Structure formats: C-alpha cells, structure tokens
Amino acid sequence: MFHLRNRLKCIALASLIVASTSASQAQESKVSLFKVVTVKDEIVIGLSDDEMKALGGTDAAAVAHALAQKGDMSVWQYNVHRGPNGDMQQAPTAKIGLLANASLRVEPYTTPYAIVPHQ
C-alpha cells in the first residue's frame, strides 16, 4: 500500500511539472492578432512578441507603420480550427505576404479561442 501511494504521488508531481512547463512555454510565445482590412477582404494575422519588438511597437499602429515603411511584410495568417482535443482554437494556417498598397487598415483582433503560436 505504501509503494502504491508513493507511485501515485510521483505521478501527480510529474503531471504538475509537465502542466506548468506547458503553460510557461505558452506564455513565452505570446501571439498578438490583428485584422488587416484590404480592398478585397479581411484577414487575421498573428505576430509573436519578438516580431512585434522588431517592428518597434506593440499595437496595430506599429504594424501599419512598418507595413507602410517596408512596402511589404511576410506574416502568418490565422484561422479558427479544431485542435487535437476537439476544442476550437485560432491557429496559423499559411505564411503570406502583405502589400502596403492593398491594405487599408490594421486593427487589433480579439478571439474567444485559444491562440496557437507559430514558429
């Protein structure tokens, strides 16, 4: 009985460590979502904290300014999909190019779903 209790404690501790490690990794790779309104449509893009720092800001204005200055940007497009556990999530679907002359507006985008970081 004593050995079984120790095994259960070890399993519980290992599960806790794995869960906290996953949560900290998810926090480290935070993604900000933005809706880009173009002449043809609207798309949702995601930028990591590192990508936002490289742009020189943390908001939609920084994204719009960088796009206007550079003329084009390579970003991840995000869409809603079912995750491995069946829950809905906002996930990267394709690496796309944005052109400044086709973009009319960049605005923050909120989602009720979990956001999957891109690489």
PDB file of N, CA and C in Angstrom:
ATOM      1  N   MET A   1       0.820  -1.186   0.000  1.00  0.00           N
ATOM      2  CA  MET A   1       0.000   0.000   0.000  1.00  0.00           C
ATOM      3  C   MET A   1       0.867   1.254   0.000  1.00  0.00           C
ATOM      4  N   PHE A   2       1.925   1.209   0.773  1.00  0.00           N
ATOM      5  CA  PHE A   2       2.815   2.365   0.876  1.00  0.00           C
ATOM      6  C   PHE A   2       3.472   2.656  -0.480  1.00  0.00           C
ATOM      7  N   HIS A   3       3.878   1.625  -1.212  1.00  0.00           N
ATOM      8  CA  HIS A   3       4.523   1.813  -2.505  1.00  0.00           C
ATOM      9  C   HIS A   3       3.543   2.398  -3.523  1.00  0.00           C
ATOM     10  N   LEU A   4       2.310   1.966  -3.478  1.00  0.00           N
ATOM     11  CA  LEU A   4       1.295   2.471  -4.393  1.00  0.00           C
ATOM     12  C   LEU A   4       1.057   3.960  -4.150  1.00  0.00           C
ATOM     13  N   ARG A   5       0.997   4.359  -2.890  1.00  0.00           N
ATOM     14  CA  ARG A   5       0.783   5.767  -2.556  1.00  0.00           C
ATOM     15  C   ARG A   5       1.954   6.614  -3.046  1.00  0.00           C
ATOM     16  N   ASN A   6       3.183   6.133  -2.881  1.00  0.00           N
ATOM     17  CA  ASN A   6       4.351   6.873  -3.363  1.00  0.00           C
ATOM     18  C   ASN A   6       4.343   7.001  -4.891  1.00  0.00           C
ATOM     19  N   ARG A   7       3.954   5.934  -5.557  1.00  0.00           N
ATOM     20  CA  ARG A   7       3.873   5.979  -7.018  1.00  0.00           C
ATOM     21  C   ARG A   7       2.835   7.011  -7.469  1.00  0.00           C
ATOM     22  N   LEU A   8       1.702   7.017  -6.807  1.00  0.00           N
ATOM     23  CA  LEU A   8       0.654   7.976  -7.157  1.00  0.00           C
ATOM     24  C   LEU A   8       1.128   9.406  -6.927  1.00  0.00           C
ATOM     25  N   LYS A   9       1.854   9.619  -5.833  1.00  0.00           N
ATOM     26  CA  LYS A   9       2.385  10.955  -5.561  1.00  0.00           C
ATOM     27  C   LYS A   9       3.382  11.367  -6.641  1.00  0.00           C
ATOM     28  N   CYS A  10       4.228  10.442  -7.056  1.00  0.00           N
ATOM     29  CA  CYS A  10       5.210  10.733  -8.105  1.00  0.00           C
ATOM     30  C   CYS A  10       4.525  11.045  -9.431  1.00  0.00           C
ATOM     31  N   ILE A  11       3.504  10.300  -9.753  1.00  0.00           N
ATOM     32  CA  ILE A  11       2.758  10.532 -10.998  1.00  0.00           C
ATOM     33  C   ILE A  11       2.077  11.903 -10.950  1.00  0.00           C
ATOM     34  N   ALA A  12       1.487  12.236  -9.813  1.00  0.00           N
ATOM     35  CA  ALA A  12       0.822  13.532  -9.666  1.00  0.00           C
ATOM     36  C   ALA A  12       1.832  14.669  -9.779  1.00  0.00           C
ATOM     37  N   LEU A  13       2.987  14.515  -9.163  1.00  0.00           N
ATOM     38  CA  LEU A  13       4.025  15.536  -9.226  1.00  0.00           C
ATOM     39  C   LEU A  13       4.541  15.704 -10.653  1.00  0.00           C
ATOM     40  N   ALA A  14       4.759  14.594 -11.338  1.00  0.00           N
ATOM     41  CA  ALA A  14       5.223  14.656 -12.730  1.00  0.00           C
ATOM     42  C   ALA A  14       4.191  15.347 -13.616  1.00  0.00           C
ATOM     43  N   SER A  15       2.919  15.058 -13.406  1.00  0.00           N
ATOM     44  CA  SER A  15       1.844  15.700 -14.181  1.00  0.00           C
ATOM     45  C   SER A  15       1.823  17.201 -13.932  1.00  0.00           C
ATOM     46  N   LEU A  16       2.006  17.587 -12.681  1.00  0.00           N
ATOM     47  CA  LEU A  16       2.029  19.000 -12.337  1.00  0.00           C
ATOM     48  C   LEU A  16       3.196  19.715 -13.004  1.00  0.00           C
ATOM     49  N   ILE A  17       4.355  19.097 -13.022  1.00  0.00           N
ATOM     50  CA  ILE A  17       5.540  19.688 -13.644  1.00  0.00           C
ATOM     51  C   ILE A  17       5.329  19.852 -15.145  1.00  0.00           C
ATOM     52  N   VAL A  18       4.799  18.834 -15.791  1.00  0.00           N
ATOM     53  CA  VAL A  18       4.539  18.900 -17.235  1.00  0.00           C
ATOM     54  C   VAL A  18       3.527  19.999 -17.538  1.00  0.00           C
ATOM     55  N   ALA A  19       2.472  20.095 -16.750  1.00  0.00           N
ATOM     56  CA  ALA A  19       1.437  21.109 -16.973  1.00  0.00           C
ATOM     57  C   ALA A  19       1.997  22.513 -16.797  1.00  0.00           C
ATOM     58  N   SER A  20       2.811  22.727 -15.764  1.00  0.00           N
ATOM     59  CA  SER A  20       3.366  24.066 -15.544  1.00  0.00           C
ATOM     60  C   SER A  20       4.390  24.420 -16.610  1.00  0.00           C
ATOM     61  N   THR A  21       5.138  23.447 -17.101  1.00  0.00           N
ATOM     62  CA  THR A  21       6.094  23.700 -18.176  1.00  0.00           C
ATOM     63  C   THR A  21       5.366  24.081 -19.453  1.00  0.00           C
ATOM     64  N   SER A  22       4.285  23.400 -19.782  1.00  0.00           N
ATOM     65  CA  SER A  22       3.492  23.711 -20.972  1.00  0.00           C
ATOM     66  C   SER A  22       2.900  25.107 -20.867  1.00  0.00           C
ATOM     67  N   ALA A  23       2.401  25.449 -19.692  1.00  0.00           N
ATOM     68  CA  ALA A  23       1.808  26.771 -19.506  1.00  0.00           C
ATOM     69  C   ALA A  23       2.854  27.870 -19.640  1.00  0.00           C
ATOM     70  N   SER A  24       4.040  27.652 -19.105  1.00  0.00           N
ATOM     71  CA  SER A  24       5.072  28.678 -19.206  1.00  0.00           C
ATOM     72  C   SER A  24       5.561  28.818 -20.639  1.00  0.00           C
ATOM     73  N   GLN A  25       5.637  27.725 -21.390  1.00  0.00           N
ATOM     74  CA  GLN A  25       6.027  27.814 -22.790  1.00  0.00           C
ATOM     75  C   GLN A  25       4.969  28.559 -23.593  1.00  0.00           C
ATOM     76  N   ALA A  26       3.711  28.337 -23.291  1.00  0.00           N
ATOM     77  CA  ALA A  26       2.641  29.027 -23.997  1.00  0.00           C
ATOM     78  C   ALA A  26       2.690  30.520 -23.703  1.00  0.00           C
ATOM     79  N   GLN A  27       3.015  30.894 -22.465  1.00  0.00           N
ATOM     80  CA  GLN A  27       3.120  32.302 -22.120  1.00  0.00           C
ATOM     81  C   GLN A  27       4.320  32.939 -22.796  1.00  0.00           C
ATOM     82  N   GLU A  28       5.430  32.217 -22.909  1.00  0.00           N
ATOM     83  CA  GLU A  28       6.630  32.773 -23.512  1.00  0.00           C
ATOM     84  C   GLU A  28       6.421  33.121 -24.975  1.00  0.00           C
ATOM     85  N   SER A  29       5.621  32.357 -25.674  1.00  0.00           N
ATOM     86  CA  SER A  29       5.425  32.567 -27.097  1.00  0.00           C
ATOM     87  C   SER A  29       4.046  33.182 -27.369  1.00  0.00           C
ATOM     88  N   LYS A  30       3.772  34.318 -26.746  1.00  0.00           N
ATOM     89  CA  LYS A  30       2.505  35.007 -26.897  1.00  0.00           C
ATOM     90  C   LYS A  30       2.383  35.568 -28.306  1.00  0.00           C
ATOM     91  N   VAL A  31       1.188  35.458 -28.877  1.00  0.00           N
ATOM     92  CA  VAL A  31       0.918  35.954 -30.220  1.00  0.00           C
ATOM     93  C   VAL A  31      -0.161  37.025 -30.129  1.00  0.00           C
ATOM     94  N   SER A  32       0.068  38.148 -30.801  1.00  0.00           N
ATOM     95  CA  SER A  32      -0.934  39.207 -30.914  1.00  0.00           C
ATOM     96  C   SER A  32      -1.612  39.073 -32.272  1.00  0.00           C
ATOM     97  N   LEU A  33      -2.942  39.127 -32.262  1.00  0.00           N
ATOM     98  CA  LEU A  33      -3.698  39.000 -33.501  1.00  0.00           C
ATOM     99  C   LEU A  33      -4.151  40.378 -33.992  1.00  0.00           C
ATOM    100  N   PHE A  34      -4.155  40.529 -35.322  1.00  0.00           N
ATOM    101  CA  PHE A  34      -4.603  41.765 -35.953  1.00  0.00           C
ATOM    102  C   PHE A  34      -5.462  41.431 -37.156  1.00  0.00           C
ATOM    103  N   LYS A  35      -6.479  42.241 -37.387  1.00  0.00           N
ATOM    104  CA  LYS A  35      -7.287  42.103 -38.594  1.00  0.00           C
ATOM    105  C   LYS A  35      -6.758  43.121 -39.596  1.00  0.00           C
ATOM    106  N   VAL A  36      -6.434  42.648 -40.799  1.00  0.00           N
ATOM    107  CA  VAL A  36      -5.968  43.523 -41.868  1.00  0.00           C
ATOM    108  C   VAL A  36      -7.103  43.618 -42.884  1.00  0.00           C
ATOM    109  N   VAL A  37      -7.596  44.830 -43.057  1.00  0.00           N
ATOM    110  CA  VAL A  37      -8.686  45.073 -43.992  1.00  0.00           C
ATOM    111  C   VAL A  37      -8.067  45.522 -45.313  1.00  0.00           C
ATOM    112  N   THR A  38      -8.361  44.766 -46.376  1.00  0.00           N
ATOM    113  CA  THR A  38      -7.833  45.078 -47.701  1.00  0.00           C
ATOM    114  C   THR A  38      -8.984  45.487 -48.618  1.00  0.00           C
ATOM    115  N   VAL A  39      -8.664  45.815 -49.848  1.00  0.00           N
ATOM    116  CA  VAL A  39      -9.674  46.179 -50.822  1.00  0.00           C
ATOM    117  C   VAL A  39     -10.618  45.008 -51.065  1.00  0.00           C
ATOM    118  N   LYS A  40     -10.083  43.792 -51.068  1.00  0.00           N
ATOM    119  CA  LYS A  40     -10.879  42.602 -51.391  1.00  0.00           C
ATOM    120  C   LYS A  40     -11.525  41.939 -50.181  1.00  0.00           C
ATOM    121  N   ASP A  41     -10.827  41.876 -49.062  1.00  0.00           N
ATOM    122  CA  ASP A  41     -11.333  41.100 -47.939  1.00  0.00           C
ATOM    123  C   ASP A  41     -10.683  41.529 -46.633  1.00  0.00           C
ATOM    124  N   GLU A  42     -10.946  40.753 -45.606  1.00  0.00           N
ATOM    125  CA  GLU A  42     -10.329  40.939 -44.298  1.00  0.00           C
ATOM    126  C   GLU A  42      -9.632  39.645 -43.924  1.00  0.00           C
ATOM    127  N   ILE A  43      -8.426  39.756 -43.379  1.00  0.00           N
ATOM    128  CA  ILE A  43      -7.713  38.565 -42.917  1.00  0.00           C
ATOM    129  C   ILE A  43      -7.206  38.820 -41.506  1.00  0.00           C
ATOM    130  N   VAL A  44      -6.982  37.752 -40.778  1.00  0.00           N
ATOM    131  CA  VAL A  44      -6.422  37.841 -39.427  1.00  0.00           C
ATOM    132  C   VAL A  44      -4.988  37.348 -39.493  1.00  0.00           C
ATOM    133  N   ILE A  45      -4.083  38.149 -38.944  1.00  0.00           N
ATOM    134  CA  ILE A  45      -2.668  37.766 -38.900  1.00  0.00           C
ATOM    135  C   ILE A  45      -2.216  37.706 -37.453  1.00  0.00           C
ATOM    136  N   GLY A  46      -1.153  36.961 -37.206  1.00  0.00           N
ATOM    137  CA  GLY A  46      -0.591  36.854 -35.870  1.00  0.00           C
ATOM    138  C   GLY A  46       0.888  37.182 -35.880  1.00  0.00           C
ATOM    139  N   LEU A  47       1.307  37.964 -34.905  1.00  0.00           N
ATOM    140  CA  LEU A  47       2.718  38.327 -34.746  1.00  0.00           C
ATOM    141  C   LEU A  47       3.149  37.997 -33.324  1.00  0.00           C
ATOM    142  N   SER A  48       4.295  37.339 -33.203  1.00  0.00           N
ATOM    143  CA  SER A  48       4.823  36.996 -31.879  1.00  0.00           C
ATOM    144  C   SER A  48       5.369  38.249 -31.206  1.00  0.00           C
ATOM    145  N   ASP A  49       5.649  38.145 -29.912  1.00  0.00           N
ATOM    146  CA  ASP A  49       6.232  39.271 -29.178  1.00  0.00           C
ATOM    147  C   ASP A  49       7.553  39.703 -29.799  1.00  0.00           C
ATOM    148  N   ASP A  50       8.374  38.735 -30.215  1.00  0.00           N
ATOM    149  CA  ASP A  50       9.662  39.067 -30.840  1.00  0.00           C
ATOM    150  C   ASP A  50       9.454  39.809 -32.159  1.00  0.00           C
ATOM    151  N   GLU A  51       8.469  39.368 -32.947  1.00  0.00           N
ATOM    152  CA  GLU A  51       8.175  40.046 -34.210  1.00  0.00           C
ATOM    153  C   GLU A  51       7.668  41.464 -33.955  1.00  0.00           C
ATOM    154  N   MET A  52       6.852  41.634 -32.921  1.00  0.00           N
ATOM    155  CA  MET A  52       6.343  42.967 -32.586  1.00  0.00           C
ATOM    156  C   MET A  52       7.479  43.883 -32.138  1.00  0.00           C
ATOM    157  N   LYS A  53       8.405  43.354 -31.337  1.00  0.00           N
ATOM    158  CA  LYS A  53       9.557  44.156 -30.906  1.00  0.00           C
ATOM    159  C   LYS A  53      10.393  44.585 -32.099  1.00  0.00           C
ATOM    160  N   ALA A  54      10.559  43.689 -33.080  1.00  0.00           N
ATOM    161  CA  ALA A  54      11.327  44.015 -34.283  1.00  0.00           C
ATOM    162  C   ALA A  54      10.647  45.125 -35.087  1.00  0.00           C
ATOM    163  N   LEU A  55       9.324  45.205 -34.997  1.00  0.00           N
ATOM    164  CA  LEU A  55       8.594  46.266 -35.697  1.00  0.00           C
ATOM    165  C   LEU A  55       8.688  47.596 -34.957  1.00  0.00           C
ATOM    166  N   GLY A  56       9.053  47.540 -33.682  1.00  0.00           N
ATOM    167  CA  GLY A  56       9.211  48.761 -32.907  1.00  0.00           C
ATOM    168  C   GLY A  56       7.964  49.193 -32.155  1.00  0.00           C
ATOM    169  N   GLY A  57       7.064  48.273 -31.873  1.00  0.00           N
ATOM    170  CA  GLY A  57       5.866  48.626 -31.126  1.00  0.00           C
ATOM    171  C   GLY A  57       5.108  47.404 -30.687  1.00  0.00           C
ATOM    172  N   THR A  58       3.953  47.647 -30.060  1.00  0.00           N
ATOM    173  CA  THR A  58       3.165  46.530 -29.556  1.00  0.00           C
ATOM    174  C   THR A  58       1.695  46.618 -29.957  1.00  0.00           C
ATOM    175  N   ASP A  59       1.379  47.514 -30.895  1.00  0.00           N
ATOM    176  CA  ASP A  59      -0.028  47.688 -31.245  1.00  0.00           C
ATOM    177  C   ASP A  59      -0.232  47.708 -32.759  1.00  0.00           C
ATOM    178  N   ALA A  60      -1.482  47.884 -33.180  1.00  0.00           N
ATOM    179  CA  ALA A  60      -1.832  47.881 -34.594  1.00  0.00           C
ATOM    180  C   ALA A  60      -1.141  49.013 -35.352  1.00  0.00           C
ATOM    181  N   ALA A  61      -0.947  50.139 -34.693  1.00  0.00           N
ATOM    182  CA  ALA A  61      -0.272  51.272 -35.340  1.00  0.00           C
ATOM    183  C   ALA A  61       1.158  50.899 -35.741  1.00  0.00           C
ATOM    184  N   ALA A  62       1.834  50.137 -34.898  1.00  0.00           N
ATOM    185  CA  ALA A  62       3.204  49.720 -35.215  1.00  0.00           C
ATOM    186  C   ALA A  62       3.216  48.808 -36.442  1.00  0.00           C
ATOM    187  N   VAL A  63       2.226  47.914 -36.535  1.00  0.00           N
ATOM    188  CA  VAL A  63       2.129  47.012 -37.688  1.00  0.00           C
ATOM    189  C   VAL A  63       1.850  47.819 -38.953  1.00  0.00           C
ATOM    190  N   ALA A  64       0.885  48.745 -38.885  1.00  0.00           N
ATOM    191  CA  ALA A  64       0.544  49.571 -40.051  1.00  0.00           C
ATOM    192  C   ALA A  64       1.725  50.432 -40.478  1.00  0.00           C
ATOM    193  N   HIS A  65       2.430  51.004 -39.518  1.00  0.00           N
ATOM    194  CA  HIS A  65       3.588  51.852 -39.821  1.00  0.00           C
ATOM    195  C   HIS A  65       4.706  51.039 -40.489  1.00  0.00           C
ATOM    196  N   ALA A  66       4.992  49.857 -39.942  1.00  0.00           N
ATOM    197  CA  ALA A  66       6.037  49.005 -40.520  1.00  0.00           C
ATOM    198  C   ALA A  66       5.661  48.570 -41.935  1.00  0.00           C
ATOM    199  N   LEU A  67       4.403  48.241 -42.148  1.00  0.00           N
ATOM    200  CA  LEU A  67       3.944  47.836 -43.475  1.00  0.00           C
ATOM    201  C   LEU A  67       4.075  48.989 -44.465  1.00  0.00           C
ATOM    202  N   ALA A  68       3.706  50.195 -44.038  1.00  0.00           N
ATOM    203  CA  ALA A  68       3.813  51.365 -44.916  1.00  0.00           C
ATOM    204  C   ALA A  68       5.274  51.685 -45.241  1.00  0.00           C
ATOM    205  N   GLN A  69       6.161  51.555 -44.257  1.00  0.00           N
ATOM    206  CA  GLN A  69       7.582  51.850 -44.466  1.00  0.00           C
ATOM    207  C   GLN A  69       8.258  50.810 -45.346  1.00  0.00           C
ATOM    208  N   LYS A  70       8.001  49.544 -45.074  1.00  0.00           N
ATOM    209  CA  LYS A  70       8.664  48.469 -45.807  1.00  0.00           C
ATOM    210  C   LYS A  70       8.030  48.221 -47.170  1.00  0.00           C
ATOM    211  N   GLY A  71       6.733  48.479 -47.289  1.00  0.00           N
ATOM    212  CA  GLY A  71       6.034  48.215 -48.538  1.00  0.00           C
ATOM    213  C   GLY A  71       5.434  46.820 -48.596  1.00  0.00           C
ATOM    214  N   ASP A  72       6.063  45.873 -47.902  1.00  0.00           N
ATOM    215  CA  ASP A  72       5.517  44.522 -47.819  1.00  0.00           C
ATOM    216  C   ASP A  72       6.042  43.838 -46.566  1.00  0.00           C
ATOM    217  N   MET A  73       5.299  42.821 -46.143  1.00  0.00           N
ATOM    218  CA  MET A  73       5.679  42.061 -44.946  1.00  0.00           C
ATOM    219  C   MET A  73       5.289  40.609 -45.138  1.00  0.00           C
ATOM    220  N   SER A  74       6.049  39.726 -44.544  1.00  0.00           N
ATOM    221  CA  SER A  74       5.723  38.309 -44.511  1.00  0.00           C
ATOM    222  C   SER A  74       5.191  38.005 -43.111  1.00  0.00           C
ATOM    223  N   VAL A  75       3.961  37.489 -43.037  1.00  0.00           N
ATOM    224  CA  VAL A  75       3.297  37.228 -41.752  1.00  0.00           C
ATOM    225  C   VAL A  75       2.546  35.905 -41.814  1.00  0.00           C
ATOM    226  N   TRP A  76       2.103  35.430 -40.644  1.00  0.00           N
ATOM    227  CA  TRP A  76       1.280  34.225 -40.575  1.00  0.00           C
ATOM    228  C   TRP A  76      -0.188  34.616 -40.567  1.00  0.00           C
ATOM    229  N   GLN A  77      -0.967  33.995 -41.442  1.00  0.00           N
ATOM    230  CA  GLN A  77      -2.408  34.164 -41.441  1.00  0.00           C
ATOM    231  C   GLN A  77      -2.997  33.171 -40.443  1.00  0.00           C
ATOM    232  N   TYR A  78      -3.976  33.619 -39.654  1.00  0.00           N
ATOM    233  CA  TYR A  78      -4.619  32.786 -38.634  1.00  0.00           C
ATOM    234  C   TYR A  78      -6.085  32.562 -38.976  1.00  0.00           C
ATOM    235  N   ASN A  79      -6.567  31.351 -38.702  1.00  0.00           N
ATOM    236  CA  ASN A  79      -7.967  30.992 -38.876  1.00  0.00           C
ATOM    237  C   ASN A  79      -8.397  30.091 -37.725  1.00  0.00           C
ATOM    238  N   VAL A  80      -9.691  29.934 -37.559  1.00  0.00           N
ATOM    239  CA  VAL A  80     -10.226  29.083 -36.497  1.00  0.00           C
ATOM    240  C   VAL A  80     -10.267  27.636 -36.989  1.00  0.00           C
ATOM    241  N   HIS A  81      -9.730  26.740 -36.168  1.00  0.00           N
ATOM    242  CA  HIS A  81      -9.703  25.305 -36.457  1.00  0.00           C
ATOM    243  C   HIS A  81      -9.974  24.534 -35.174  1.00  0.00           C
ATOM    244  N   ARG A  82     -10.256  23.258 -35.322  1.00  0.00           N
ATOM    245  CA  ARG A  82     -10.363  22.381 -34.157  1.00  0.00           C
ATOM    246  C   ARG A  82      -8.968  21.873 -33.799  1.00  0.00           C
ATOM    247  N   GLY A  83      -8.647  21.930 -32.507  1.00  0.00           N
ATOM    248  CA  GLY A  83      -7.368  21.428 -32.034  1.00  0.00           C
ATOM    249  C   GLY A  83      -7.398  19.926 -31.889  1.00  0.00           C
ATOM    250  N   PRO A  84      -6.273  19.331 -31.483  1.00  0.00           N
ATOM    251  CA  PRO A  84      -6.189  17.882 -31.314  1.00  0.00           C
ATOM    252  C   PRO A  84      -7.197  17.323 -30.311  1.00  0.00           C
ATOM    253  N   ASN A  85      -7.577  18.141 -29.320  1.00  0.00           N
ATOM    254  CA  ASN A  85      -8.530  17.680 -28.308  1.00  0.00           C
ATOM    255  C   ASN A  85      -9.976  18.017 -28.678  1.00  0.00           C
ATOM    256  N   GLY A  86     -10.194  18.594 -29.875  1.00  0.00           N
ATOM    257  CA  GLY A  86     -11.542  18.913 -30.331  1.00  0.00           C
ATOM    258  C   GLY A  86     -11.998  20.324 -30.032  1.00  0.00           C
ATOM    259  N   ASP A  87     -11.235  21.055 -29.205  1.00  0.00           N
ATOM    260  CA  ASP A  87     -11.592  22.435 -28.889  1.00  0.00           C
ATOM    261  C   ASP A  87     -11.262  23.343 -30.059  1.00  0.00           C
ATOM    262  N   MET A  88     -12.050  24.402 -30.223  1.00  0.00           N
ATOM    263  CA  MET A  88     -11.772  25.391 -31.259  1.00  0.00           C
ATOM    264  C   MET A  88     -10.581  26.236 -30.822  1.00  0.00           C
ATOM    265  N   GLN A  89      -9.739  26.592 -31.792  1.00  0.00           N
ATOM    266  CA  GLN A  89      -8.574  27.417 -31.499  1.00  0.00           C
ATOM    267  C   GLN A  89      -8.231  28.270 -32.710  1.00  0.00           C
ATOM    268  N   GLN A  90      -7.596  29.386 -32.468  1.00  0.00           N
ATOM    269  CA  GLN A  90      -7.118  30.280 -33.522  1.00  0.00           C
ATOM    270  C   GLN A  90      -5.699  29.812 -33.835  1.00  0.00           C
ATOM    271  N   ALA A  91      -5.474  29.320 -35.058  1.00  0.00           N
ATOM    272  CA  ALA A  91      -4.198  28.688 -35.393  1.00  0.00           C
ATOM    273  C   ALA A  91      -3.637  29.244 -36.694  1.00  0.00           C
ATOM    274  N   PRO A  92      -2.294  29.235 -36.820  1.00  0.00           N
ATOM    275  CA  PRO A  92      -1.685  29.685 -38.075  1.00  0.00           C
ATOM    276  C   PRO A  92      -1.997  28.702 -39.199  1.00  0.00           C
ATOM    277  N   THR A  93      -2.327  29.236 -40.376  1.00  0.00           N
ATOM    278  CA  THR A  93      -2.668  28.355 -41.497  1.00  0.00           C
ATOM    279  C   THR A  93      -1.729  28.514 -42.677  1.00  0.00           C
ATOM    280  N   ALA A  94      -1.162  29.709 -42.865  1.00  0.00           N
ATOM    281  CA  ALA A  94      -0.272  29.919 -44.012  1.00  0.00           C
ATOM    282  C   ALA A  94       0.589  31.141 -43.786  1.00  0.00           C
ATOM    283  N   LYS A  95       1.804  31.072 -44.269  1.00  0.00           N
ATOM    284  CA  LYS A  95       2.690  32.238 -44.270  1.00  0.00           C
ATOM    285  C   LYS A  95       2.343  33.021 -45.537  1.00  0.00           C
ATOM    286  N   ILE A  96       1.963  34.288 -45.377  1.00  0.00           N
ATOM    287  CA  ILE A  96       1.519  35.088 -46.512  1.00  0.00           C
ATOM    288  C   ILE A  96       2.317  36.379 -46.605  1.00  0.00           C
ATOM    289  N   GLY A  97       2.229  37.032 -47.741  1.00  0.00           N
ATOM    290  CA  GLY A  97       2.850  38.336 -47.936  1.00  0.00           C
ATOM    291  C   GLY A  97       1.785  39.408 -47.969  1.00  0.00           C
ATOM    292  N   LEU A  98       2.014  40.500 -47.245  1.00  0.00           N
ATOM    293  CA  LEU A  98       1.114  41.647 -47.264  1.00  0.00           C
ATOM    294  C   LEU A  98       1.769  42.756 -48.070  1.00  0.00           C
ATOM    295  N   LEU A  99       0.996  43.420 -48.907  1.00  0.00           N
ATOM    296  CA  LEU A  99       1.471  44.562 -49.673  1.00  0.00           C
ATOM    297  C   LEU A  99       0.837  45.829 -49.115  1.00  0.00           C
ATOM    298  N   ALA A 100       1.629  46.858 -48.940  1.00  0.00           N
ATOM    299  CA  ALA A 100       1.135  48.092 -48.328  1.00  0.00           C
ATOM    300  C   ALA A 100       0.038  48.741 -49.155  1.00  0.00           C
ATOM    301  N   ASN A 101       0.125  48.709 -50.474  1.00  0.00           N
ATOM    302  CA  ASN A 101      -0.866  49.417 -51.277  1.00  0.00           C
ATOM    303  C   ASN A 101      -2.225  48.714 -51.309  1.00  0.00           C
ATOM    304  N   ALA A 102      -2.295  47.448 -50.914  1.00  0.00           N
ATOM    305  CA  ALA A 102      -3.567  46.727 -50.900  1.00  0.00           C
ATOM    306  C   ALA A 102      -4.222  46.763 -49.517  1.00  0.00           C
ATOM    307  N   SER A 103      -3.493  47.178 -48.501  1.00  0.00           N
ATOM    308  CA  SER A 103      -4.010  47.205 -47.136  1.00  0.00           C
ATOM    309  C   SER A 103      -4.573  48.582 -46.820  1.00  0.00           C
ATOM    310  N   LEU A 104      -5.800  48.592 -46.327  1.00  0.00           N
ATOM    311  CA  LEU A 104      -6.428  49.852 -45.975  1.00  0.00           C
ATOM    312  C   LEU A 104      -6.343  50.162 -44.496  1.00  0.00           C
ATOM    313  N   ARG A 105      -6.376  49.106 -43.676  1.00  0.00           N
ATOM    314  CA  ARG A 105      -6.436  49.329 -42.238  1.00  0.00           C
ATOM    315  C   ARG A 105      -5.918  48.101 -41.504  1.00  0.00           C
ATOM    316  N   VAL A 106      -5.254  48.329 -40.370  1.00  0.00           N
ATOM    317  CA  VAL A 106      -4.820  47.265 -39.464  1.00  0.00           C
ATOM    318  C   VAL A 106      -5.420  47.585 -38.107  1.00  0.00           C
ATOM    319  N   GLU A 107      -6.118  46.606 -37.519  1.00  0.00           N
ATOM    320  CA  GLU A 107      -6.727  46.833 -36.210  1.00  0.00           C
ATOM    321  C   GLU A 107      -6.541  45.614 -35.329  1.00  0.00           C
ATOM    322  N   PRO A 108      -6.567  45.807 -34.006  1.00  0.00           N
ATOM    323  CA  PRO A 108      -6.429  44.668 -33.096  1.00  0.00           C
ATOM    324  C   PRO A 108      -7.591  43.700 -33.310  1.00  0.00           C
ATOM    325  N   TYR A 109      -7.322  42.417 -33.059  1.00  0.00           N
ATOM    326  CA  TYR A 109      -8.342  41.386 -33.231  1.00  0.00           C
ATOM    327  C   TYR A 109      -8.399  40.548 -31.967  1.00  0.00           C
ATOM    328  N   THR A 110      -9.587  40.376 -31.434  1.00  0.00           N
ATOM    329  CA  THR A 110      -9.751  39.529 -30.253  1.00  0.00           C
ATOM    330  C   THR A 110     -10.519  38.271 -30.644  1.00  0.00           C
ATOM    331  N   THR A 111     -10.238  37.205 -29.942  1.00  0.00           N
ATOM    332  CA  THR A 111     -10.879  35.932 -30.219  1.00  0.00           C
ATOM    333  C   THR A 111     -11.210  35.234 -28.906  1.00  0.00           C
ATOM    334  N   PRO A 112     -12.317  34.507 -28.865  1.00  0.00           N
ATOM    335  CA  PRO A 112     -12.643  33.763 -27.651  1.00  0.00           C
ATOM    336  C   PRO A 112     -11.878  32.442 -27.561  1.00  0.00           C
ATOM    337  N   TYR A 113     -11.146  32.108 -28.612  1.00  0.00           N
ATOM    338  CA  TYR A 113     -10.450  30.827 -28.686  1.00  0.00           C
ATOM    339  C   TYR A 113      -8.997  30.941 -28.241  1.00  0.00           C
ATOM    340  N   ALA A 114      -8.423  29.815 -27.873  1.00  0.00           N
ATOM    341  CA  ALA A 114      -7.001  29.770 -27.537  1.00  0.00           C
ATOM    342  C   ALA A 114      -6.198  30.055 -28.804  1.00  0.00           C
ATOM    343  N   ILE A 115      -5.111  30.786 -28.668  1.00  0.00           N
ATOM    344  CA  ILE A 115      -4.272  31.145 -29.812  1.00  0.00           C
ATOM    345  C   ILE A 115      -3.055  30.221 -29.840  1.00  0.00           C
ATOM    346  N   VAL A 116      -2.840  29.576 -30.988  1.00  0.00           N
ATOM    347  CA  VAL A 116      -1.707  28.665 -31.164  1.00  0.00           C
ATOM    348  C   VAL A 116      -0.539  29.486 -31.724  1.00  0.00           C
ATOM    349  N   PRO A 117       0.618  29.499 -31.055  1.00  0.00           N
ATOM    350  CA  PRO A 117       1.761  30.255 -31.581  1.00  0.00           C
ATOM    351  C   PRO A 117       2.347  29.606 -32.828  1.00  0.00           C
ATOM    352  N   HIS A 118       2.940  30.441 -33.680  1.00  0.00           N
ATOM    353  CA  HIS A 118       3.621  29.943 -34.863  1.00  0.00           C
ATOM    354  C   HIS A 118       5.116  29.908 -34.606  1.00  0.00           C
ATOM    355  N   GLN A 119       5.869  29.207 -35.488  1.00  0.00           N
ATOM    356  CA  GLN A 119       7.322  29.107 -35.322  1.00  0.00           C
ATOM    357  C   GLN A 119       8.002  30.219 -36.048  1.00  0.00           C
TER     358      GLN A 119
END
